Amino acid sequence: MTVLSWDEWSARDGLGLAELVRAGDATPEELAAQAAEGCARVDPEIRGVVELFEDAVADASVNGADPAGLFAGIPFGLKDLGPTLAGRLQEQGSFYMEENRPVADAFLTSKMKAAGLNIIARTTTPEFGCCSSAENPALYVTRNPWNTDYTSCGSSAGSAVLTAAGALPMAHGTDGGGSIRIPAGVCGLVGLKASRGTFSVAPYASDLAAPVSTQGCLTRSVRDTAAFADACRGGAPGEYMPYWSPEIPFLTQIERDPEPLKIAVSHEWGPYKATPHIAAELERVARMFEALGHHVEWQAPKVDLERAYAAQTTCYITQFAQTVNNLLRARGIASPPPDLIEPMNIRIWEAGKDASFTERSDMQLAFNDTSRAFGAFFEEWDVILTPITARETPRIGTMEYLTRTDEPSPHAWFENLWGFFAYTPLNNLCGTPGISLPMARHANGLPLGMHLQTRQGGDGLLLQLAAQVERSLGGDWHGGAKPAVHVGAAG
């Protein structure tokens, strides 16, 4: 017996469920039990759950959720990568990390607990979050709930599919090049990559050591995204750089529309451009923003994007190589075991393990020039609108995007990835915010996110604009449509 009908359950966002708890109409445990049942209904078809924490379902205090927090103990999924949860496994989508059990919470985990998020599950990710789909058949294959022949993309794969299928109201994600925004875009969700200096990666990393990666969540409503940012933002003691907070909370900002904005629109991004159908959807969405009172024009920053993407490739190869190096060093192993680590991740390690300071310095010079060029563009334009991807969502088993591929060159592999998700990685390079909104469709009917980005620290503006769009749609991003795999349709 569930506390809500499945239609009522999936119609409520996280804050909507929290309102039930505060009104005394549901307990955190009742909501967790319904979320667990929802996962059981949909997960056999979409495989988003790595592990369900049954003790946290039975008792919301087990993992430390504060019932007085903004989210009042609602159920929440934690990606199996990034912030650790004391005493719980974190295996990072890798056989190498099997039975890895951290002994302490990450700083962000403590913020999520204080926000009243009851972590009841860990969710799927590709190995180390390195590729665009969680597809290792020996572990799990995470599928898009709108059509299970297609990928959910990644790397926040499980969080995306469980939220889209209505099992969870929202879930955690990480984003080092689009890993929140891309799965949000292909699964019909809202996904914010926040400005650098918003969410802490303490204590195991810093914004110096990991300059492109950030944290966040995947949701079905703009207000849940705003609320998560309000409640979970902030730096830990000893941060490398200052952390900032808006003068007005995001939840307050989104109550009003932004002033008319200058929105630049483009799908031609250096050497990459969208398919004709995606370009046509971009044009249609641009007209929607125009109808909301904004000035819309086809413009793009004057940036050496080929140099920027080459630097991004250097960053990824050297960063992932050191990630693997640190894991090997911890066990006293000289090289990655090929039976435990996927082949492209081994090739990335080989390509990046001996990178020189000069290579990293050249990368940083390109990062700086790119960031300055985008900064200059945002002096004239408020927002850039692009699609979330340049190509169609891949079918399950499309090997060219996976770290199980036999592609011999990591550089060629990354270049092919950039051609697919061309529009999101440079926000990570520059530290600027970007948000994916479910505003369009591929020709086959799958969701196609539209991507908005702005200057560093402009997260509130993006959320305001997103909330304006959401209101214009009557709060229903999909016009009543639901994924084929959904708690309301199961059983």
Foldseek 3Di string as FASTA:
>chain_A
DALDALVVLLVDFLLRVLVCCVVVSDALLSQLVQLVVFCVQFCVLFPWFQDFQVVCSNPLPPQQADCPASSRQHEEEEELAFWARAQDQRQQQWLLRPPPGHHDTFLLSVLCSNNRYRHGTYTAFHHNNQFFFSDDVVRDGGAALQDRQFGLTARSGSQLRSCQQSSGQKYKHKDQFCRQFSSCQQNFWKGKDAFPQWAARPDPDACVLRVQMDMAMIHRFLLVRQSSSQRRTDYDPPHPDHHDDDPDRLNVLQVDADDAFEEEEAQCQAPAGADPQQVVQSVVVQVVSVVVPHHYDHDDFPANRVLLLVLVLLVSLQSLLVVVVVSCVVVVHDADDPVTDAQLSRLSNVVHVPDDPVSNVSSVVSLVRRLVRQVVVLVPGFKYKYWQWRYDGGGPPPQLRHSNHPPNDSVVSSVVVCNTRVPGRSCSSNSWMKMWHQAGADPVGGTITMMMTGHHPCPSNVSNNNSSVCVVVVNDRPVPDGRNNHSNPGD
